[in-house]
Amino acid sequence: MRRLGKMPGWQKSFVIWGMLTCSLTGFAYLLGHEFHIQRLILGTHNILVAHGVAAMLATLALGSVLPFHIKAGYKSARKWISGFTQLTFMSVLLISGALLYYGPEQIREDVITVHWIVGLLFFSIFLIHAFAKLKTPAVAKCYK
């Protein structure tokens, strides 16, 4: 029997690979386009398209965990900080990504900066949340 809120193997793989692919393609485009590192390879439209497709898959992955994993995580009081930080960062990334595509030109440069900074923060928190064995704080235990 599975622990409450623990994702099935296929779902865990989908979430991890979706988020990793989105983060890594975004990081590649950031290096190529913004920082001009290997621009002819990393800063191309193809990398940006791969990032957009990966973002769509990552959004589907997030949607697949919303109903059960987040609710169970909240009730168990485990990894609250990293979980809700990820959820907040993902919301900012979704909104800023939409603004990059549909938003006004006047705010584009600011939105680009917010998007890549939050993207880097999200990726680091995602790695901690997904792979670190975090201890439940003593304060959270009293809410069980």
C-alpha atoms as a PDB file:
ATOM      1  CA  MET A   1       0.000   0.000   0.000  1.00  0.00           C
ATOM      2  CA  ARG A   2       1.249   3.473  -0.835  1.00  0.00           C
ATOM      3  CA  ARG A   3       1.660   6.254   1.683  1.00  0.00           C
ATOM      4  CA  LEU A   4      -1.064   8.920   1.454  1.00  0.00           C
ATOM      5  CA  GLY A   5      -0.079  11.563  -1.106  1.00  0.00           C
ATOM      6  CA  LYS A   6       2.818   9.588  -2.539  1.00  0.00           C
ATOM      7  CA  MET A   7       2.640   9.666  -6.296  1.00  0.00           C
ATOM      8  CA  PRO A   8       2.529   6.492  -8.399  1.00  0.00           C
ATOM      9  CA  GLY A   9       5.746   5.767 -10.297  1.00  0.00           C
ATOM     10  CA  TRP A  10       4.482   6.997 -13.683  1.00  0.00           C
ATOM     11  CA  GLN A  11       3.295  10.283 -12.182  1.00  0.00           C
ATOM     12  CA  LYS A  12       6.496  10.896 -10.253  1.00  0.00           C
ATOM     13  CA  SER A  13       8.527  10.279 -13.425  1.00  0.00           C
ATOM     14  CA  PHE A  14       6.232  12.569 -15.421  1.00  0.00           C
ATOM     15  CA  VAL A  15       6.568  15.383 -12.879  1.00  0.00           C
ATOM     16  CA  ILE A  16      10.332  15.041 -12.482  1.00  0.00           C
ATOM     17  CA  TRP A  17      11.055  14.766 -16.197  1.00  0.00           C
ATOM     18  CA  GLY A  18       8.572  17.511 -17.079  1.00  0.00           C
ATOM     19  CA  MET A  19      10.037  19.965 -14.577  1.00  0.00           C
ATOM     20  CA  LEU A  20      13.649  19.005 -15.351  1.00  0.00           C
ATOM     21  CA  THR A  21      13.144  19.334 -19.102  1.00  0.00           C
ATOM     22  CA  CYS A  22      11.426  22.687 -18.729  1.00  0.00           C
ATOM     23  CA  SER A  23      14.086  23.980 -16.342  1.00  0.00           C
ATOM     24  CA  LEU A  24      17.031  22.742 -18.399  1.00  0.00           C
ATOM     25  CA  THR A  25      15.725  24.074 -21.713  1.00  0.00           C
ATOM     26  CA  GLY A  26      14.968  27.385 -20.026  1.00  0.00           C
ATOM     27  CA  PHE A  27      18.458  27.460 -18.542  1.00  0.00           C
ATOM     28  CA  ALA A  28      19.985  26.647 -21.943  1.00  0.00           C
ATOM     29  CA  TYR A  29      18.046  29.480 -23.582  1.00  0.00           C
ATOM     30  CA  LEU A  30      19.007  31.846 -20.755  1.00  0.00           C
ATOM     31  CA  LEU A  31      22.689  31.055 -21.249  1.00  0.00           C
ATOM     32  CA  GLY A  32      22.494  31.464 -25.014  1.00  0.00           C
ATOM     33  CA  HIS A  33      20.136  34.398 -25.375  1.00  0.00           C
ATOM     34  CA  GLU A  34      20.739  36.535 -22.281  1.00  0.00           C
ATOM     35  CA  PHE A  35      24.362  35.708 -21.437  1.00  0.00           C
ATOM     36  CA  HIS A  36      25.568  35.001 -25.007  1.00  0.00           C
ATOM     37  CA  ILE A  37      27.192  31.681 -24.090  1.00  0.00           C
ATOM     38  CA  GLN A  38      27.153  29.410 -27.153  1.00  0.00           C
ATOM     39  CA  ARG A  39      24.494  31.729 -28.599  1.00  0.00           C
ATOM     40  CA  LEU A  40      24.426  30.002 -31.998  1.00  0.00           C
ATOM     41  CA  ILE A  41      23.387  26.756 -30.310  1.00  0.00           C
ATOM     42  CA  LEU A  42      21.655  27.670 -27.037  1.00  0.00           C
ATOM     43  CA  GLY A  43      20.044  30.974 -27.984  1.00  0.00           C
ATOM     44  CA  THR A  44      18.106  29.670 -30.960  1.00  0.00           C
ATOM     45  CA  HIS A  45      14.398  29.628 -31.639  1.00  0.00           C
ATOM     46  CA  ASN A  46      14.466  25.807 -31.483  1.00  0.00           C
ATOM     47  CA  ILE A  47      15.608  25.905 -27.847  1.00  0.00           C
ATOM     48  CA  LEU A  48      12.881  28.427 -27.057  1.00  0.00           C
ATOM     49  CA  VAL A  49      10.292  26.189 -28.734  1.00  0.00           C
ATOM     50  CA  ALA A  50      11.581  23.184 -26.763  1.00  0.00           C
ATOM     51  CA  HIS A  51      11.238  25.269 -23.589  1.00  0.00           C
ATOM     52  CA  GLY A  52       7.664  26.229 -24.499  1.00  0.00           C
ATOM     53  CA  VAL A  53       6.650  22.623 -25.187  1.00  0.00           C
ATOM     54  CA  ALA A  54       8.382  21.470 -21.999  1.00  0.00           C
ATOM     55  CA  ALA A  55       6.553  24.222 -20.080  1.00  0.00           C
ATOM     56  CA  MET A  56       3.240  22.871 -21.373  1.00  0.00           C
ATOM     57  CA  LEU A  57       4.179  19.364 -20.204  1.00  0.00           C
ATOM     58  CA  ALA A  58       5.380  20.716 -16.846  1.00  0.00           C
ATOM     59  CA  THR A  59       2.041  22.482 -16.450  1.00  0.00           C
ATOM     60  CA  LEU A  60       0.239  19.194 -17.137  1.00  0.00           C
ATOM     61  CA  ALA A  61       2.497  17.521 -14.583  1.00  0.00           C
ATOM     62  CA  LEU A  62       1.657  20.197 -12.024  1.00  0.00           C
ATOM     63  CA  GLY A  63      -2.040  19.717 -12.760  1.00  0.00           C
ATOM     64  CA  SER A  64      -1.675  15.994 -12.175  1.00  0.00           C
ATOM     65  CA  VAL A  65      -0.374  16.545  -8.619  1.00  0.00           C
ATOM     66  CA  LEU A  66      -2.668  19.372  -7.545  1.00  0.00           C
ATOM     67  CA  PRO A  67      -5.702  17.342  -6.449  1.00  0.00           C
ATOM     68  CA  PHE A  68      -3.976  14.759  -4.261  1.00  0.00           C
ATOM     69  CA  HIS A  69      -0.260  15.325  -3.659  1.00  0.00           C
ATOM     70  CA  ILE A  70      -0.579  18.924  -2.514  1.00  0.00           C
ATOM     71  CA  LYS A  71      -3.586  18.227  -0.287  1.00  0.00           C
ATOM     72  CA  ALA A  72      -1.881  15.213   1.296  1.00  0.00           C
ATOM     73  CA  GLY A  73       1.361  17.159   1.729  1.00  0.00           C
ATOM     74  CA  TYR A  74      -0.512  19.943   3.462  1.00  0.00           C
ATOM     75  CA  LYS A  75      -2.246  17.522   5.821  1.00  0.00           C
ATOM     76  CA  SER A  76       0.965  15.654   6.634  1.00  0.00           C
ATOM     77  CA  ALA A  77       2.893  18.899   7.334  1.00  0.00           C
ATOM     78  CA  ARG A  78       5.935  17.569   5.447  1.00  0.00           C
ATOM     79  CA  LYS A  79       7.967  19.756   3.101  1.00  0.00           C
ATOM     80  CA  TRP A  80       5.485  22.646   3.424  1.00  0.00           C
ATOM     81  CA  ILE A  81       8.002  25.378   2.776  1.00  0.00           C
ATOM     82  CA  SER A  82       9.540  23.838  -0.330  1.00  0.00           C
ATOM     83  CA  GLY A  83       6.150  22.669  -1.629  1.00  0.00           C
ATOM     84  CA  PHE A  84       4.316  25.962  -1.298  1.00  0.00           C
ATOM     85  CA  THR A  85       7.371  27.907  -2.456  1.00  0.00           C
ATOM     86  CA  GLN A  86       7.371  25.794  -5.616  1.00  0.00           C
ATOM     87  CA  LEU A  87       3.655  26.360  -6.102  1.00  0.00           C
ATOM     88  CA  THR A  88       4.133  30.125  -5.737  1.00  0.00           C
ATOM     89  CA  PHE A  89       7.131  30.187  -8.084  1.00  0.00           C
ATOM     90  CA  MET A  90       5.298  28.045 -10.635  1.00  0.00           C
ATOM     91  CA  SER A  91       2.372  30.477 -10.557  1.00  0.00           C
ATOM     92  CA  VAL A  92       4.737  33.394 -11.183  1.00  0.00           C
ATOM     93  CA  LEU A  93       6.392  31.461 -14.027  1.00  0.00           C
ATOM     94  CA  LEU A  94       3.043  30.656 -15.653  1.00  0.00           C
ATOM     95  CA  ILE A  95       1.886  34.262 -15.436  1.00  0.00           C
ATOM     96  CA  SER A  96       5.198  35.719 -16.606  1.00  0.00           C
ATOM     97  CA  GLY A  97       5.373  33.175 -19.439  1.00  0.00           C
ATOM     98  CA  ALA A  98       1.914  34.236 -20.575  1.00  0.00           C
ATOM     99  CA  LEU A  99       2.945  37.890 -20.348  1.00  0.00           C
ATOM    100  CA  LEU A 100       6.026  37.194 -22.461  1.00  0.00           C
ATOM    101  CA  TYR A 101       3.810  35.788 -25.179  1.00  0.00           C
ATOM    102  CA  TYR A 102       0.689  37.939 -24.859  1.00  0.00           C
ATOM    103  CA  GLY A 103       1.723  40.931 -22.733  1.00  0.00           C
ATOM    104  CA  PRO A 104       2.489  44.495 -23.744  1.00  0.00           C
ATOM    105  CA  GLU A 105       5.902  45.301 -25.211  1.00  0.00           C
ATOM    106  CA  GLN A 106       6.538  48.012 -22.573  1.00  0.00           C
ATOM    107  CA  ILE A 107       6.956  45.481 -19.747  1.00  0.00           C
ATOM    108  CA  ARG A 108       8.700  42.728 -21.729  1.00  0.00           C
ATOM    109  CA  GLU A 109      12.264  43.334 -20.476  1.00  0.00           C
ATOM    110  CA  ASP A 110      11.159  43.415 -16.842  1.00  0.00           C
ATOM    111  CA  VAL A 111       9.073  40.282 -17.296  1.00  0.00           C
ATOM    112  CA  ILE A 112      12.027  38.478 -18.915  1.00  0.00           C
ATOM    113  CA  THR A 113      14.179  39.295 -15.884  1.00  0.00           C
ATOM    114  CA  VAL A 114      11.523  38.181 -13.407  1.00  0.00           C
ATOM    115  CA  HIS A 115      10.899  34.991 -15.399  1.00  0.00           C
ATOM    116  CA  TRP A 116      14.501  33.810 -15.463  1.00  0.00           C
ATOM    117  CA  ILE A 117      15.268  34.758 -11.847  1.00  0.00           C
ATOM    118  CA  VAL A 118      12.168  32.975 -10.556  1.00  0.00           C
ATOM    119  CA  GLY A 119      12.918  30.064 -12.917  1.00  0.00           C
ATOM    120  CA  LEU A 120      16.364  29.581 -11.390  1.00  0.00           C
ATOM    121  CA  LEU A 121      14.921  29.813  -7.879  1.00  0.00           C
ATOM    122  CA  PHE A 122      12.162  27.357  -8.778  1.00  0.00           C
ATOM    123  CA  PHE A 123      14.665  24.831 -10.141  1.00  0.00           C
ATOM    124  CA  SER A 124      16.765  24.894  -6.980  1.00  0.00           C
ATOM    125  CA  ILE A 125      13.702  24.500  -4.722  1.00  0.00           C
ATOM    126  CA  PHE A 126      12.350  21.739  -6.990  1.00  0.00           C
ATOM    127  CA  LEU A 127      15.580  19.750  -6.613  1.00  0.00           C
ATOM    128  CA  ILE A 128      15.461  20.134  -2.836  1.00  0.00           C
ATOM    129  CA  HIS A 129      11.777  19.176  -2.664  1.00  0.00           C
ATOM    130  CA  ALA A 130      12.027  16.216  -5.013  1.00  0.00           C
ATOM    131  CA  PHE A 131      15.290  14.653  -3.892  1.00  0.00           C
ATOM    132  CA  ALA A 132      16.225  15.813  -0.374  1.00  0.00           C
ATOM    133  CA  LYS A 133      15.084  13.904   2.646  1.00  0.00           C
ATOM    134  CA  LEU A 134      13.828  16.799   4.746  1.00  0.00           C
ATOM    135  CA  LYS A 135      13.022  16.396   8.400  1.00  0.00           C
ATOM    136  CA  THR A 136       9.597  17.504   9.618  1.00  0.00           C
ATOM    137  CA  PRO A 137      10.070  20.503  11.914  1.00  0.00           C
ATOM    138  CA  ALA A 138       8.875  20.135  15.496  1.00  0.00           C
ATOM    139  CA  VAL A 139       6.381  22.978  15.023  1.00  0.00           C
ATOM    140  CA  ALA A 140       4.681  21.180  12.121  1.00  0.00           C
ATOM    141  CA  LYS A 141       4.263  18.000  14.199  1.00  0.00           C
ATOM    142  CA  CYS A 142       1.844  19.726  16.555  1.00  0.00           C
ATOM    143  CA  TYR A 143      -0.561  20.372  13.617  1.00  0.00           C
ATOM    144  CA  LYS A 144      -0.937  16.687  12.745  1.00  0.00           C
END
